[in-house]
Amino acid sequence: MRPRLTLGHSVTPRQEKRFRLTIPLDDALEFALGCSDLGCAEVTDSMRRIIGFFVIDELQYTEQWREAALARACLADKWPDWF
């Protein structure tokens, strides 16, 4: 199974709506770098940057330090003022 980036929020028993976005981690990084649009009709730079932040956060959270550093370097090449 490929590592996945999951975005969502915590749900209490009183909440009825649950939102979750799950993207394979490598697909999320490709999206952040502009190599993919993940099938979205409209893609903005802000969308790509936030997914890039989430990719780095997930890699650091799972203690994949080398991969996080590589992803950060690639994203810094694409978005020098953000990473």
C-alpha atoms as a PDB file:
ATOM      1  CA  MET A   1       0.000   0.000   0.000  1.00  0.00           C
ATOM      2  CA  ARG A   2       1.300   3.440  -0.933  1.00  0.00           C
ATOM      3  CA  PRO A   3       1.689   6.059   1.825  1.00  0.00           C
ATOM      4  CA  ARG A   4      -1.242   8.450   1.783  1.00  0.00           C
ATOM      5  CA  LEU A   5      -1.803  12.054   2.757  1.00  0.00           C
ATOM      6  CA  THR A   6      -5.108  12.354   4.615  1.00  0.00           C
ATOM      7  CA  LEU A   7      -6.673  15.733   5.261  1.00  0.00           C
ATOM      8  CA  GLY A   8      -9.718  16.068   7.456  1.00  0.00           C
ATOM      9  CA  HIS A   9     -10.940  17.142  10.839  1.00  0.00           C
ATOM     10  CA  SER A  10     -11.840  15.404  14.059  1.00  0.00           C
ATOM     11  CA  VAL A  11     -15.438  14.389  14.385  1.00  0.00           C
ATOM     12  CA  THR A  12     -17.481  14.313  17.567  1.00  0.00           C
ATOM     13  CA  PRO A  13     -20.562  12.120  17.897  1.00  0.00           C
ATOM     14  CA  ARG A  14     -22.814  15.193  17.499  1.00  0.00           C
ATOM     15  CA  GLN A  15     -21.381  16.177  14.108  1.00  0.00           C
ATOM     16  CA  GLU A  16     -23.089  14.624  11.142  1.00  0.00           C
ATOM     17  CA  LYS A  17     -20.864  15.706   8.280  1.00  0.00           C
ATOM     18  CA  ARG A  18     -17.396  14.235   7.904  1.00  0.00           C
ATOM     19  CA  PHE A  19     -14.879  15.512   5.405  1.00  0.00           C
ATOM     20  CA  ARG A  20     -11.721  13.685   4.443  1.00  0.00           C
ATOM     21  CA  LEU A  21      -9.412  13.935   1.461  1.00  0.00           C
ATOM     22  CA  THR A  22      -7.002  11.069   0.924  1.00  0.00           C
ATOM     23  CA  ILE A  23      -4.279  11.359  -1.708  1.00  0.00           C
ATOM     24  CA  PRO A  24      -1.307   9.026  -2.244  1.00  0.00           C
ATOM     25  CA  LEU A  25       1.691  10.915  -0.889  1.00  0.00           C
ATOM     26  CA  ASP A  26       3.686  10.766  -4.121  1.00  0.00           C
ATOM     27  CA  ASP A  27       0.655  12.059  -6.075  1.00  0.00           C
ATOM     28  CA  ALA A  28       0.266  14.892  -3.568  1.00  0.00           C
ATOM     29  CA  LEU A  29       3.907  15.890  -4.037  1.00  0.00           C
ATOM     30  CA  GLU A  30       3.548  15.781  -7.835  1.00  0.00           C
ATOM     31  CA  PHE A  31       0.484  18.014  -7.508  1.00  0.00           C
ATOM     32  CA  ALA A  32       2.364  20.482  -5.293  1.00  0.00           C
ATOM     33  CA  LEU A  33       5.218  20.618  -7.797  1.00  0.00           C
ATOM     34  CA  GLY A  34       2.867  21.275 -10.717  1.00  0.00           C
ATOM     35  CA  CYS A  35       3.443  17.906 -12.415  1.00  0.00           C
ATOM     36  CA  SER A  36      -0.172  16.830 -11.949  1.00  0.00           C
ATOM     37  CA  ASP A  37      -3.569  18.418 -11.494  1.00  0.00           C
ATOM     38  CA  LEU A  38      -5.185  15.385  -9.767  1.00  0.00           C
ATOM     39  CA  GLY A  39      -8.135  15.760 -12.101  1.00  0.00           C
ATOM     40  CA  CYS A  40      -9.126  19.184 -10.718  1.00  0.00           C
ATOM     41  CA  ALA A  41     -10.837  21.519 -13.143  1.00  0.00           C
ATOM     42  CA  GLU A  42      -9.239  24.627 -11.639  1.00  0.00           C
ATOM     43  CA  VAL A  43      -5.924  24.552  -9.795  1.00  0.00           C
ATOM     44  CA  THR A  44      -4.403  27.568  -8.075  1.00  0.00           C
ATOM     45  CA  ASP A  45      -0.909  28.172  -6.779  1.00  0.00           C
ATOM     46  CA  SER A  46      -2.355  28.436  -3.279  1.00  0.00           C
ATOM     47  CA  MET A  47      -3.798  24.929  -3.588  1.00  0.00           C
ATOM     48  CA  ARG A  48      -0.435  23.559  -4.688  1.00  0.00           C
ATOM     49  CA  ARG A  49       1.450  25.299  -1.870  1.00  0.00           C
ATOM     50  CA  ILE A  50      -0.889  24.121   0.896  1.00  0.00           C
ATOM     51  CA  ILE A  51      -0.680  20.527  -0.326  1.00  0.00           C
ATOM     52  CA  GLY A  52       3.115  20.927  -0.364  1.00  0.00           C
ATOM     53  CA  PHE A  53       3.036  22.028   3.277  1.00  0.00           C
ATOM     54  CA  PHE A  54       0.883  19.034   4.160  1.00  0.00           C
ATOM     55  CA  VAL A  55       3.259  16.645   2.367  1.00  0.00           C
ATOM     56  CA  ILE A  56       6.237  17.942   4.344  1.00  0.00           C
ATOM     57  CA  ASP A  57       4.238  17.840   7.583  1.00  0.00           C
ATOM     58  CA  GLU A  58       3.182  14.229   6.979  1.00  0.00           C
ATOM     59  CA  LEU A  59       6.733  13.140   6.172  1.00  0.00           C
ATOM     60  CA  GLN A  60       8.067  14.818   9.308  1.00  0.00           C
ATOM     61  CA  TYR A  61       5.229  13.408  11.433  1.00  0.00           C
ATOM     62  CA  THR A  62       6.133   9.897  10.317  1.00  0.00           C
ATOM     63  CA  GLU A  63       9.823  10.672  10.958  1.00  0.00           C
ATOM     64  CA  GLN A  64      10.875  10.349   7.328  1.00  0.00           C
ATOM     65  CA  TRP A  65      13.423  13.129   7.741  1.00  0.00           C
ATOM     66  CA  ARG A  66      15.449  12.526   4.577  1.00  0.00           C
ATOM     67  CA  GLU A  67      12.344  12.365   2.382  1.00  0.00           C
ATOM     68  CA  ALA A  68      10.967  15.493   4.062  1.00  0.00           C
ATOM     69  CA  ALA A  69      14.217  17.355   3.359  1.00  0.00           C
ATOM     70  CA  LEU A  70      14.157  16.262  -0.294  1.00  0.00           C
ATOM     71  CA  ALA A  71      10.514  17.282  -0.678  1.00  0.00           C
ATOM     72  CA  ARG A  72      11.250  20.647   0.968  1.00  0.00           C
ATOM     73  CA  ALA A  73      14.191  21.242  -1.392  1.00  0.00           C
ATOM     74  CA  CYS A  74      12.068  20.424  -4.452  1.00  0.00           C
ATOM     75  CA  LEU A  75       9.262  22.664  -3.256  1.00  0.00           C
ATOM     76  CA  ALA A  76      11.739  25.463  -2.472  1.00  0.00           C
ATOM     77  CA  ASP A  77      12.904  25.334  -6.096  1.00  0.00           C
ATOM     78  CA  LYS A  78       9.283  25.730  -7.231  1.00  0.00           C
ATOM     79  CA  TRP A  79       8.180  28.213  -4.535  1.00  0.00           C
ATOM     80  CA  PRO A  80      11.353  29.966  -3.241  1.00  0.00           C
ATOM     81  CA  ASP A  81       9.495  32.498  -1.092  1.00  0.00           C
ATOM     82  CA  TRP A  82       7.353  29.851   0.630  1.00  0.00           C
ATOM     83  CA  PHE A  83       9.619  26.947   1.546  1.00  0.00           C
END
